[in-house]
N, C-alpha and C. Protein backbone atom coordinates (compact mmCIF):
# COMPACT_ATOMS: atom_id res chain seq x y z
N MET A 1 -4.46 15.45 3.83
CA MET A 1 -4.06 14.07 3.53
C MET A 1 -2.56 13.93 3.74
N GLU A 2 -2.18 13.01 4.61
CA GLU A 2 -0.76 12.78 4.88
C GLU A 2 -0.16 11.91 3.78
N THR A 3 0.97 12.36 3.23
CA THR A 3 1.68 11.58 2.22
C THR A 3 3.11 11.33 2.68
N ARG A 4 3.67 10.23 2.21
CA ARG A 4 5.06 9.88 2.53
C ARG A 4 5.74 9.37 1.27
N ILE A 5 7.07 9.46 1.26
CA ILE A 5 7.87 8.99 0.13
C ILE A 5 8.88 7.96 0.62
N GLY A 6 9.02 6.87 -0.12
CA GLY A 6 10.03 5.86 0.19
C GLY A 6 10.95 5.67 -1.00
N ILE A 7 12.21 5.40 -0.73
CA ILE A 7 13.22 5.20 -1.78
C ILE A 7 13.81 3.80 -1.64
N GLY A 8 13.91 3.10 -2.77
CA GLY A 8 14.51 1.77 -2.75
C GLY A 8 15.58 1.64 -3.81
N TRP A 9 16.56 0.80 -3.56
CA TRP A 9 17.64 0.56 -4.53
C TRP A 9 18.14 -0.87 -4.34
N ASP A 10 18.46 -1.51 -5.47
CA ASP A 10 19.03 -2.85 -5.38
C ASP A 10 19.97 -3.09 -6.55
N SER A 11 20.88 -4.05 -6.38
CA SER A 11 21.88 -4.34 -7.41
C SER A 11 22.25 -5.81 -7.35
N HIS A 12 22.33 -6.45 -8.53
CA HIS A 12 22.77 -7.85 -8.61
C HIS A 12 23.65 -8.03 -9.84
N VAL A 13 24.62 -8.88 -9.72
CA VAL A 13 25.51 -9.18 -10.83
C VAL A 13 24.87 -10.27 -11.70
N PHE A 14 25.15 -10.23 -13.00
CA PHE A 14 24.65 -11.26 -13.91
C PHE A 14 25.41 -12.57 -13.68
N LYS A 15 24.70 -13.67 -13.89
CA LYS A 15 25.27 -14.99 -13.66
C LYS A 15 24.70 -15.97 -14.68
N ALA A 16 25.57 -16.77 -15.28
CA ALA A 16 25.12 -17.76 -16.25
C ALA A 16 24.41 -18.91 -15.55
N GLY A 17 23.48 -19.52 -16.27
CA GLY A 17 22.83 -20.71 -15.75
C GLY A 17 21.62 -20.48 -14.89
N VAL A 18 21.19 -19.23 -14.73
CA VAL A 18 19.97 -18.93 -13.96
C VAL A 18 19.05 -18.08 -14.82
N PRO A 19 17.73 -18.18 -14.64
CA PRO A 19 16.80 -17.36 -15.43
C PRO A 19 16.86 -15.90 -15.01
N LEU A 20 16.59 -15.02 -15.96
CA LEU A 20 16.56 -13.59 -15.67
C LEU A 20 15.14 -13.20 -15.27
N ARG A 21 15.01 -12.78 -14.02
CA ARG A 21 13.71 -12.37 -13.50
C ARG A 21 13.72 -10.87 -13.24
N LEU A 22 12.79 -10.17 -13.87
CA LEU A 22 12.65 -8.72 -13.67
C LEU A 22 11.17 -8.38 -13.62
N GLY A 23 10.76 -7.68 -12.59
CA GLY A 23 9.36 -7.29 -12.48
C GLY A 23 8.42 -8.45 -12.36
N GLY A 24 8.91 -9.57 -11.83
CA GLY A 24 8.08 -10.76 -11.69
C GLY A 24 7.93 -11.54 -12.97
N MET A 25 8.66 -11.18 -14.02
CA MET A 25 8.61 -11.85 -15.30
C MET A 25 9.94 -12.52 -15.60
N THR A 26 9.90 -13.58 -16.39
CA THR A 26 11.13 -14.23 -16.86
C THR A 26 11.42 -13.74 -18.27
N LEU A 27 12.60 -13.13 -18.47
CA LEU A 27 12.97 -12.56 -19.75
C LEU A 27 13.98 -13.45 -20.47
N GLU A 28 13.93 -13.43 -21.79
CA GLU A 28 14.89 -14.18 -22.58
C GLU A 28 16.24 -13.48 -22.54
N HIS A 29 17.23 -14.16 -21.98
CA HIS A 29 18.59 -13.59 -21.88
C HIS A 29 19.53 -14.72 -21.49
N PRO A 30 20.76 -14.70 -22.01
CA PRO A 30 21.70 -15.79 -21.70
C PRO A 30 22.06 -15.91 -20.24
N GLU A 31 21.91 -14.82 -19.48
CA GLU A 31 22.28 -14.83 -18.06
C GLU A 31 21.13 -14.27 -17.23
N GLY A 32 21.09 -14.75 -15.99
CA GLY A 32 20.15 -14.20 -15.02
C GLY A 32 20.90 -13.38 -13.99
N LEU A 33 20.23 -13.09 -12.88
CA LEU A 33 20.85 -12.29 -11.83
C LEU A 33 21.12 -13.14 -10.60
N ALA A 34 22.34 -13.08 -10.12
CA ALA A 34 22.72 -13.85 -8.95
C ALA A 34 22.08 -13.24 -7.70
N GLY A 35 21.66 -14.10 -6.82
CA GLY A 35 21.05 -13.61 -5.58
C GLY A 35 20.57 -14.79 -4.75
N HIS A 36 20.33 -14.56 -3.48
CA HIS A 36 19.83 -15.63 -2.62
C HIS A 36 18.43 -16.04 -3.05
N SER A 37 17.63 -15.04 -3.45
CA SER A 37 16.29 -15.32 -3.98
C SER A 37 16.40 -15.40 -5.50
N ASP A 38 15.38 -14.92 -6.21
CA ASP A 38 15.44 -14.96 -7.68
C ASP A 38 16.19 -13.79 -8.30
N GLY A 39 16.72 -12.88 -7.44
CA GLY A 39 17.55 -11.77 -7.93
C GLY A 39 16.79 -10.67 -8.66
N ASP A 40 15.48 -10.58 -8.45
CA ASP A 40 14.66 -9.58 -9.17
C ASP A 40 14.90 -8.19 -8.59
N VAL A 41 15.84 -7.45 -9.19
CA VAL A 41 16.21 -6.14 -8.65
C VAL A 41 15.05 -5.16 -8.67
N LEU A 42 14.16 -5.29 -9.65
CA LEU A 42 13.02 -4.36 -9.75
C LEU A 42 12.07 -4.53 -8.57
N LEU A 43 11.66 -5.77 -8.31
CA LEU A 43 10.74 -6.00 -7.18
C LEU A 43 11.42 -5.74 -5.84
N HIS A 44 12.72 -6.02 -5.76
CA HIS A 44 13.44 -5.74 -4.51
C HIS A 44 13.46 -4.24 -4.21
N ALA A 45 13.73 -3.44 -5.23
CA ALA A 45 13.79 -1.99 -5.03
C ALA A 45 12.42 -1.43 -4.66
N ILE A 46 11.37 -1.93 -5.31
CA ILE A 46 10.01 -1.46 -4.99
C ILE A 46 9.65 -1.87 -3.56
N THR A 47 10.01 -3.09 -3.19
CA THR A 47 9.73 -3.56 -1.83
C THR A 47 10.37 -2.65 -0.80
N ASP A 48 11.64 -2.32 -1.00
CA ASP A 48 12.33 -1.43 -0.05
C ASP A 48 11.73 -0.03 -0.04
N ALA A 49 11.28 0.45 -1.20
CA ALA A 49 10.67 1.78 -1.26
C ALA A 49 9.38 1.82 -0.45
N LEU A 50 8.56 0.77 -0.56
CA LEU A 50 7.30 0.72 0.18
C LEU A 50 7.55 0.58 1.68
N LEU A 51 8.49 -0.29 2.04
CA LEU A 51 8.82 -0.45 3.46
C LEU A 51 9.39 0.84 4.03
N GLY A 52 10.24 1.50 3.25
CA GLY A 52 10.83 2.76 3.71
C GLY A 52 9.81 3.86 3.91
N ALA A 53 8.77 3.87 3.08
CA ALA A 53 7.76 4.92 3.17
C ALA A 53 7.03 4.90 4.51
N VAL A 54 6.92 3.72 5.11
CA VAL A 54 6.24 3.62 6.41
C VAL A 54 7.21 3.23 7.53
N ALA A 55 8.51 3.45 7.26
CA ALA A 55 9.56 3.22 8.27
C ALA A 55 9.48 1.81 8.86
N ALA A 56 9.32 0.80 7.97
CA ALA A 56 9.16 -0.58 8.43
C ALA A 56 10.41 -1.42 8.19
N GLY A 57 11.55 -0.78 7.97
CA GLY A 57 12.78 -1.52 7.75
C GLY A 57 13.03 -1.77 6.27
N ASP A 58 13.69 -2.90 5.96
CA ASP A 58 13.98 -3.23 4.57
C ASP A 58 13.83 -4.73 4.36
N ILE A 59 14.11 -5.19 3.14
CA ILE A 59 13.96 -6.61 2.83
C ILE A 59 14.78 -7.47 3.79
N GLY A 60 16.01 -7.06 4.05
CA GLY A 60 16.88 -7.84 4.93
C GLY A 60 16.33 -8.01 6.33
N SER A 61 15.50 -7.07 6.78
CA SER A 61 14.91 -7.16 8.12
C SER A 61 13.95 -8.34 8.22
N PHE A 62 13.27 -8.63 7.12
CA PHE A 62 12.26 -9.69 7.12
C PHE A 62 12.75 -10.98 6.48
N PHE A 63 13.64 -10.85 5.48
CA PHE A 63 14.09 -12.00 4.71
C PHE A 63 15.62 -12.03 4.66
N PRO A 64 16.29 -12.44 5.73
CA PRO A 64 17.76 -12.45 5.75
C PRO A 64 18.33 -13.33 4.64
N ALA A 65 19.41 -12.87 4.04
CA ALA A 65 20.02 -13.60 2.92
C ALA A 65 20.51 -14.99 3.32
N GLY A 66 20.84 -15.19 4.58
CA GLY A 66 21.33 -16.49 5.02
C GLY A 66 20.25 -17.49 5.37
N ASP A 67 18.99 -17.07 5.31
CA ASP A 67 17.88 -17.96 5.67
C ASP A 67 17.56 -18.88 4.51
N PRO A 68 17.71 -20.20 4.68
CA PRO A 68 17.47 -21.13 3.57
C PRO A 68 16.04 -21.13 3.05
N ARG A 69 15.10 -20.61 3.85
CA ARG A 69 13.70 -20.59 3.40
C ARG A 69 13.51 -19.69 2.18
N TRP A 70 14.40 -18.72 2.00
CA TRP A 70 14.23 -17.76 0.92
C TRP A 70 15.18 -18.05 -0.25
N LYS A 71 15.82 -19.18 -0.25
CA LYS A 71 16.70 -19.57 -1.35
C LYS A 71 15.87 -19.75 -2.61
N ASP A 72 16.21 -18.98 -3.65
CA ASP A 72 15.52 -19.00 -4.95
C ASP A 72 14.05 -18.61 -4.85
N ALA A 73 13.68 -17.89 -3.79
CA ALA A 73 12.28 -17.51 -3.59
C ALA A 73 11.80 -16.51 -4.64
N ASP A 74 10.54 -16.60 -4.98
CA ASP A 74 9.90 -15.62 -5.87
C ASP A 74 9.80 -14.29 -5.13
N SER A 75 10.32 -13.23 -5.72
CA SER A 75 10.35 -11.93 -5.04
C SER A 75 8.97 -11.32 -4.84
N ALA A 76 7.95 -11.89 -5.48
CA ALA A 76 6.58 -11.43 -5.23
C ALA A 76 6.20 -11.64 -3.76
N ILE A 77 6.83 -12.63 -3.12
CA ILE A 77 6.61 -12.87 -1.69
C ILE A 77 7.03 -11.65 -0.89
N PHE A 78 8.19 -11.10 -1.23
CA PHE A 78 8.70 -9.92 -0.52
C PHE A 78 7.78 -8.72 -0.75
N LEU A 79 7.30 -8.59 -1.98
CA LEU A 79 6.42 -7.48 -2.32
C LEU A 79 5.11 -7.57 -1.54
N ASN A 80 4.58 -8.78 -1.41
CA ASN A 80 3.34 -8.97 -0.65
C ASN A 80 3.51 -8.56 0.81
N LEU A 81 4.67 -8.88 1.37
CA LEU A 81 4.95 -8.47 2.75
C LEU A 81 4.97 -6.96 2.88
N ALA A 82 5.58 -6.28 1.90
CA ALA A 82 5.62 -4.81 1.93
C ALA A 82 4.22 -4.23 1.85
N LEU A 83 3.36 -4.83 1.03
CA LEU A 83 1.98 -4.36 0.93
C LEU A 83 1.23 -4.53 2.25
N GLU A 84 1.48 -5.65 2.92
CA GLU A 84 0.84 -5.87 4.22
C GLU A 84 1.30 -4.84 5.25
N GLU A 85 2.59 -4.54 5.24
CA GLU A 85 3.12 -3.53 6.17
C GLU A 85 2.52 -2.15 5.86
N LEU A 86 2.37 -1.87 4.58
CA LEU A 86 1.79 -0.59 4.15
C LEU A 86 0.35 -0.47 4.64
N GLN A 87 -0.43 -1.52 4.43
CA GLN A 87 -1.83 -1.51 4.84
C GLN A 87 -1.96 -1.47 6.36
N HIS A 88 -1.08 -2.20 7.05
CA HIS A 88 -1.10 -2.20 8.51
C HIS A 88 -0.83 -0.81 9.07
N ALA A 89 0.02 -0.05 8.37
CA ALA A 89 0.33 1.32 8.81
C ALA A 89 -0.75 2.32 8.40
N GLY A 90 -1.74 1.86 7.63
CA GLY A 90 -2.84 2.74 7.25
C GLY A 90 -2.59 3.56 6.00
N PHE A 91 -1.72 3.05 5.10
CA PHE A 91 -1.40 3.80 3.89
C PHE A 91 -1.73 2.98 2.64
N ARG A 92 -1.82 3.68 1.52
CA ARG A 92 -2.00 3.03 0.23
C ARG A 92 -1.10 3.70 -0.80
N ILE A 93 -0.85 3.00 -1.88
CA ILE A 93 0.06 3.50 -2.92
C ILE A 93 -0.60 4.59 -3.75
N VAL A 94 0.14 5.68 -3.97
CA VAL A 94 -0.28 6.71 -4.93
C VAL A 94 0.36 6.41 -6.28
N ASN A 95 1.68 6.28 -6.30
CA ASN A 95 2.37 5.85 -7.52
C ASN A 95 3.76 5.35 -7.18
N VAL A 96 4.31 4.57 -8.11
CA VAL A 96 5.67 4.03 -7.97
C VAL A 96 6.41 4.33 -9.26
N ASP A 97 7.59 4.93 -9.13
CA ASP A 97 8.43 5.26 -10.29
C ASP A 97 9.75 4.52 -10.15
N THR A 98 10.16 3.81 -11.21
CA THR A 98 11.39 3.02 -11.14
C THR A 98 12.28 3.29 -12.35
N THR A 99 13.58 3.09 -12.15
CA THR A 99 14.55 3.16 -13.24
C THR A 99 15.50 1.98 -13.13
N LEU A 100 15.49 1.13 -14.15
CA LEU A 100 16.44 0.03 -14.25
C LEU A 100 17.71 0.54 -14.93
N VAL A 101 18.85 0.12 -14.43
CA VAL A 101 20.13 0.49 -15.03
C VAL A 101 20.86 -0.80 -15.39
N LEU A 102 20.93 -1.09 -16.69
CA LEU A 102 21.58 -2.31 -17.16
C LEU A 102 21.90 -2.19 -18.65
N ALA A 103 22.96 -2.86 -19.06
CA ALA A 103 23.38 -2.79 -20.46
C ALA A 103 22.48 -3.62 -21.37
N ALA A 104 22.00 -4.76 -20.88
CA ALA A 104 21.15 -5.66 -21.65
C ALA A 104 20.41 -6.54 -20.65
N PRO A 105 19.24 -7.01 -21.06
CA PRO A 105 18.56 -6.84 -22.35
C PRO A 105 17.83 -5.50 -22.43
N LYS A 106 17.32 -5.18 -23.61
CA LYS A 106 16.54 -3.98 -23.79
C LYS A 106 15.20 -4.12 -23.07
N ILE A 107 14.86 -3.12 -22.29
CA ILE A 107 13.63 -3.17 -21.50
C ILE A 107 12.44 -2.57 -22.26
N ALA A 108 12.69 -1.62 -23.14
CA ALA A 108 11.60 -0.92 -23.84
C ALA A 108 10.59 -1.88 -24.48
N PRO A 109 11.01 -2.95 -25.16
CA PRO A 109 10.03 -3.83 -25.81
C PRO A 109 9.07 -4.54 -24.84
N VAL A 110 9.49 -4.69 -23.58
CA VAL A 110 8.65 -5.41 -22.61
C VAL A 110 8.17 -4.51 -21.47
N ALA A 111 8.48 -3.22 -21.55
CA ALA A 111 8.15 -2.31 -20.45
C ALA A 111 6.65 -2.25 -20.18
N GLY A 112 5.85 -2.25 -21.25
CA GLY A 112 4.40 -2.17 -21.07
C GLY A 112 3.86 -3.39 -20.34
N GLU A 113 4.29 -4.57 -20.78
CA GLU A 113 3.85 -5.80 -20.13
C GLU A 113 4.36 -5.86 -18.70
N MET A 114 5.58 -5.40 -18.48
CA MET A 114 6.15 -5.42 -17.15
C MET A 114 5.40 -4.48 -16.21
N ARG A 115 5.05 -3.30 -16.72
CA ARG A 115 4.25 -2.35 -15.92
C ARG A 115 2.93 -2.97 -15.51
N ALA A 116 2.28 -3.63 -16.46
CA ALA A 116 0.98 -4.23 -16.17
C ALA A 116 1.11 -5.33 -15.12
N HIS A 117 2.19 -6.11 -15.21
CA HIS A 117 2.38 -7.20 -14.25
C HIS A 117 2.66 -6.65 -12.85
N VAL A 118 3.50 -5.63 -12.76
CA VAL A 118 3.80 -5.02 -11.46
C VAL A 118 2.55 -4.37 -10.88
N ALA A 119 1.76 -3.71 -11.72
CA ALA A 119 0.51 -3.10 -11.25
C ALA A 119 -0.42 -4.16 -10.67
N ASP A 120 -0.48 -5.33 -11.31
CA ASP A 120 -1.30 -6.42 -10.78
C ASP A 120 -0.77 -6.90 -9.44
N LEU A 121 0.53 -7.02 -9.32
CA LEU A 121 1.12 -7.48 -8.06
C LEU A 121 0.84 -6.51 -6.93
N LEU A 122 0.80 -5.21 -7.27
CA LEU A 122 0.58 -4.18 -6.25
C LEU A 122 -0.88 -3.82 -6.08
N CYS A 123 -1.75 -4.41 -6.92
CA CYS A 123 -3.20 -4.15 -6.86
C CYS A 123 -3.50 -2.66 -7.09
N VAL A 124 -2.83 -2.07 -8.08
CA VAL A 124 -3.07 -0.68 -8.46
C VAL A 124 -3.31 -0.62 -9.96
N SER A 125 -3.66 0.56 -10.46
CA SER A 125 -3.90 0.71 -11.88
C SER A 125 -2.58 0.94 -12.62
N LEU A 126 -2.62 0.71 -13.93
CA LEU A 126 -1.41 0.82 -14.75
C LEU A 126 -0.78 2.20 -14.69
N ASP A 127 -1.61 3.25 -14.63
CA ASP A 127 -1.05 4.61 -14.65
C ASP A 127 -0.38 5.00 -13.33
N GLN A 128 -0.38 4.09 -12.35
CA GLN A 128 0.31 4.36 -11.09
C GLN A 128 1.72 3.76 -11.07
N ILE A 129 2.09 3.08 -12.15
CA ILE A 129 3.39 2.42 -12.21
C ILE A 129 4.20 2.93 -13.40
N SER A 130 5.44 3.30 -13.14
CA SER A 130 6.36 3.74 -14.19
C SER A 130 7.63 2.88 -14.13
N ILE A 131 8.01 2.35 -15.30
CA ILE A 131 9.24 1.56 -15.39
C ILE A 131 10.07 2.11 -16.55
N LYS A 132 11.25 2.61 -16.24
CA LYS A 132 12.16 3.17 -17.23
C LYS A 132 13.46 2.39 -17.20
N ALA A 133 14.28 2.55 -18.22
CA ALA A 133 15.57 1.85 -18.25
C ALA A 133 16.65 2.75 -18.84
N LYS A 134 17.83 2.64 -18.27
CA LYS A 134 19.00 3.38 -18.74
C LYS A 134 20.18 2.41 -18.84
N THR A 135 21.14 2.75 -19.70
CA THR A 135 22.36 1.96 -19.76
C THR A 135 23.41 2.57 -18.85
N PRO A 136 24.29 1.77 -18.27
CA PRO A 136 25.30 2.28 -17.34
C PRO A 136 26.52 2.83 -18.08
N GLU A 137 26.26 3.71 -19.01
CA GLU A 137 27.33 4.22 -19.87
C GLU A 137 28.42 4.91 -19.05
N GLY A 138 29.65 4.49 -19.26
CA GLY A 138 30.79 5.10 -18.59
C GLY A 138 30.98 4.69 -17.15
N LEU A 139 30.14 3.80 -16.62
CA LEU A 139 30.25 3.41 -15.22
C LEU A 139 30.99 2.09 -15.02
N GLY A 140 31.24 1.39 -16.11
CA GLY A 140 31.93 0.11 -15.98
C GLY A 140 31.10 -0.94 -15.28
N LEU A 141 29.78 -0.88 -15.46
CA LEU A 141 28.89 -1.80 -14.76
C LEU A 141 28.06 -2.61 -15.75
N ASP A 142 28.66 -2.97 -16.88
CA ASP A 142 27.92 -3.68 -17.91
C ASP A 142 27.48 -5.08 -17.49
N HIS A 143 28.07 -5.63 -16.45
CA HIS A 143 27.72 -6.98 -16.02
C HIS A 143 26.88 -6.96 -14.74
N VAL A 144 26.27 -5.80 -14.49
CA VAL A 144 25.48 -5.62 -13.27
C VAL A 144 24.13 -5.01 -13.64
N ALA A 145 23.08 -5.38 -12.94
CA ALA A 145 21.77 -4.75 -13.09
C ALA A 145 21.43 -4.04 -11.78
N GLN A 146 20.99 -2.80 -11.91
CA GLN A 146 20.59 -2.02 -10.75
C GLN A 146 19.17 -1.50 -10.96
N CYS A 147 18.53 -1.14 -9.86
CA CYS A 147 17.22 -0.51 -9.97
C CYS A 147 17.03 0.51 -8.86
N HIS A 148 16.51 1.66 -9.24
CA HIS A 148 16.13 2.71 -8.30
C HIS A 148 14.60 2.79 -8.30
N ALA A 149 14.00 2.93 -7.13
CA ALA A 149 12.55 3.02 -7.03
C ALA A 149 12.15 4.09 -6.04
N VAL A 150 11.09 4.82 -6.38
CA VAL A 150 10.51 5.81 -5.49
C VAL A 150 9.02 5.52 -5.38
N ALA A 151 8.52 5.47 -4.16
CA ALA A 151 7.10 5.20 -3.93
C ALA A 151 6.47 6.35 -3.15
N LEU A 152 5.37 6.85 -3.65
CA LEU A 152 4.58 7.86 -2.95
C LEU A 152 3.34 7.16 -2.39
N VAL A 153 3.12 7.31 -1.10
CA VAL A 153 1.96 6.68 -0.47
C VAL A 153 1.16 7.74 0.29
N GLU A 154 -0.11 7.45 0.53
CA GLU A 154 -0.96 8.38 1.27
C GLU A 154 -1.73 7.63 2.34
N ARG A 155 -2.03 8.34 3.42
CA ARG A 155 -2.79 7.72 4.50
C ARG A 155 -4.24 7.54 4.05
N VAL A 156 -4.79 6.41 4.36
CA VAL A 156 -6.17 6.12 4.00
C VAL A 156 -7.08 6.81 4.99
N GLN A 157 -8.03 7.62 4.49
CA GLN A 157 -8.99 8.30 5.34
C GLN A 157 -10.22 7.42 5.50
N GLU A 158 -10.38 6.87 6.68
CA GLU A 158 -11.54 6.03 6.94
C GLU A 158 -12.77 6.92 7.14
N PRO A 159 -13.90 6.55 6.54
CA PRO A 159 -15.12 7.35 6.74
C PRO A 159 -15.55 7.32 8.19
N GLU A 160 -16.06 8.43 8.66
CA GLU A 160 -16.53 8.49 10.04
C GLU A 160 -17.72 7.56 10.21
N GLU A 161 -17.73 6.84 11.32
CA GLU A 161 -18.83 5.95 11.59
C GLU A 161 -20.04 6.76 12.05
N LEU A 162 -21.16 6.49 11.41
CA LEU A 162 -22.39 7.18 11.76
C LEU A 162 -23.15 6.34 12.78
N LYS A 163 -23.46 6.93 13.91
CA LYS A 163 -24.20 6.22 14.94
C LYS A 163 -25.69 6.54 14.80
N SER A 164 -26.51 5.54 15.06
CA SER A 164 -27.94 5.78 15.01
C SER A 164 -28.35 6.65 16.19
N MET A 165 -29.47 7.33 16.04
CA MET A 165 -29.93 8.22 17.11
C MET A 165 -30.21 7.44 18.38
N THR A 166 -30.68 6.22 18.26
CA THR A 166 -30.98 5.44 19.46
C THR A 166 -29.72 5.07 20.23
N GLU A 167 -28.54 5.03 19.52
CA GLU A 167 -27.28 4.76 20.20
C GLU A 167 -26.76 5.99 20.92
N VAL A 168 -27.07 7.16 20.35
CA VAL A 168 -26.57 8.40 20.93
C VAL A 168 -27.44 8.86 22.09
N ILE A 169 -28.74 8.73 21.95
CA ILE A 169 -29.68 9.19 22.97
C ILE A 169 -29.91 8.10 23.99
N GLU A 170 -29.80 8.46 25.23
CA GLU A 170 -29.77 7.45 26.28
C GLU A 170 -31.15 6.99 26.74
N SER A 171 -32.16 7.77 26.49
CA SER A 171 -33.48 7.38 26.98
C SER A 171 -34.56 7.85 26.03
N GLN A 172 -35.73 7.24 26.17
CA GLN A 172 -36.88 7.63 25.34
C GLN A 172 -37.25 9.09 25.58
N LYS A 173 -37.10 9.56 26.80
CA LYS A 173 -37.42 10.96 27.13
C LYS A 173 -36.54 11.90 26.33
N GLN A 174 -35.25 11.59 26.23
CA GLN A 174 -34.35 12.43 25.46
C GLN A 174 -34.75 12.42 23.98
N LEU A 175 -35.17 11.26 23.48
CA LEU A 175 -35.59 11.17 22.10
C LEU A 175 -36.81 12.06 21.85
N GLU A 176 -37.75 12.03 22.77
CA GLU A 176 -38.93 12.87 22.62
C GLU A 176 -38.56 14.35 22.65
N ASP A 177 -37.61 14.73 23.48
CA ASP A 177 -37.17 16.12 23.56
C ASP A 177 -36.53 16.56 22.24
N VAL A 178 -35.72 15.67 21.63
CA VAL A 178 -35.08 15.99 20.36
C VAL A 178 -36.13 16.20 19.27
N VAL A 179 -37.11 15.31 19.22
CA VAL A 179 -38.18 15.44 18.22
C VAL A 179 -38.94 16.74 18.42
N ASP A 180 -39.26 17.07 19.65
CA ASP A 180 -39.96 18.32 19.93
C ASP A 180 -39.16 19.53 19.48
N ASP A 181 -37.84 19.51 19.73
CA ASP A 181 -36.98 20.63 19.32
C ASP A 181 -36.96 20.77 17.81
N LEU A 182 -36.90 19.65 17.09
CA LEU A 182 -36.89 19.69 15.63
C LEU A 182 -38.20 20.25 15.10
N LEU A 183 -39.31 19.81 15.65
CA LEU A 183 -40.61 20.30 15.20
C LEU A 183 -40.76 21.79 15.47
N ALA A 184 -40.27 22.21 16.61
CA ALA A 184 -40.39 23.62 16.99
C ALA A 184 -39.53 24.51 16.10
N SER A 185 -38.31 24.06 15.77
CA SER A 185 -37.40 24.92 15.00
C SER A 185 -37.69 24.89 13.51
N VAL A 186 -38.10 23.75 13.00
CA VAL A 186 -38.30 23.62 11.56
C VAL A 186 -39.71 23.97 11.13
N HIS A 187 -40.72 23.50 11.87
CA HIS A 187 -42.11 23.68 11.45
C HIS A 187 -42.89 24.65 12.32
N GLY A 188 -42.27 25.19 13.34
CA GLY A 188 -42.95 26.15 14.20
C GLY A 188 -43.98 25.52 15.10
N VAL A 189 -43.88 24.22 15.29
CA VAL A 189 -44.82 23.53 16.16
C VAL A 189 -44.38 23.74 17.61
N PRO A 190 -45.29 24.26 18.45
CA PRO A 190 -44.89 24.49 19.85
C PRO A 190 -44.54 23.19 20.54
N LYS A 191 -43.56 23.29 21.44
CA LYS A 191 -43.16 22.10 22.19
C LYS A 191 -44.31 21.61 23.05
N LYS A 192 -44.33 20.30 23.25
CA LYS A 192 -45.34 19.73 24.11
C LYS A 192 -45.14 20.21 25.54
N ARG A 193 -46.25 20.54 26.19
CA ARG A 193 -46.16 20.98 27.58
C ARG A 193 -46.22 19.76 28.48
N THR A 194 -45.27 19.64 29.34
CA THR A 194 -45.25 18.53 30.26
C THR A 194 -46.21 18.77 31.40
N VAL A 195 -47.11 17.85 31.61
CA VAL A 195 -48.09 17.98 32.69
C VAL A 195 -47.62 17.14 33.87
N GLU A 196 -47.37 17.84 34.99
CA GLU A 196 -46.92 17.14 36.18
C GLU A 196 -48.15 16.68 36.95
N PRO A 197 -48.19 15.43 37.38
CA PRO A 197 -49.33 14.97 38.19
C PRO A 197 -49.40 15.68 39.53
N VAL A 198 -50.61 15.91 40.00
CA VAL A 198 -50.77 16.62 41.28
C VAL A 198 -50.62 15.69 42.46
N TYR A 199 -50.55 14.43 42.16
CA TYR A 199 -50.34 13.47 43.23
C TYR A 199 -49.45 12.34 42.74
N ASP A 200 -48.94 11.65 43.66
CA ASP A 200 -48.01 10.57 43.33
C ASP A 200 -48.80 9.31 43.02
N THR A 201 -48.75 8.90 41.73
CA THR A 201 -49.52 7.73 41.31
C THR A 201 -48.99 6.45 41.94
N GLU A 202 -47.77 6.48 42.42
CA GLU A 202 -47.20 5.29 43.04
C GLU A 202 -47.87 4.96 44.36
N ASP A 203 -48.54 6.02 44.95
CA ASP A 203 -49.17 5.81 46.25
C ASP A 203 -50.57 5.22 46.14
N ILE A 204 -51.12 5.18 44.91
CA ILE A 204 -52.49 4.70 44.74
C ILE A 204 -52.51 3.18 44.89
N THR A 205 -53.43 2.69 45.69
CA THR A 205 -53.54 1.25 45.90
C THR A 205 -54.92 0.78 45.46
């Protein structure tokens, strides 16, 4: 089974007057995250991790920051695109591990709900998604939110197509020969003896 790993990272500064969107959820907080879209660093990092796993570029390749179509866009749109690229490449998600780095708000109280929501967006089970949070202690980044994401994906093994015997065998004669061989090898039944005509029946008028 072929497996691949993708790494994603994103960062946005806090900004007053906009909602805080993380993991596709709106959290209670005096400030949101500035960005051309909704600034959801968690979904952005996961999107880049999935795209990176199949060497499909990054968010900017598909959704340029200067494109007005993506102004204030829901980041679930970006995630859906990454899933399509993943499926097109013949892979599926094994698990996604993320770490949010921000001073506030506290993520632990909502981590379970956030995991469940991200799992739904990715169409995977809850135990395939991990969301952790750390404070940027000593980094001087208290007004910034960052996210690191790692995605493990595996190639989907398609079952081999089974062809019917009539598709494999080109003629009725071949089918009869196969049946005779099976009877002879399994049940000890002697093969049918082919009787050749002593004259050409096509000549009879």
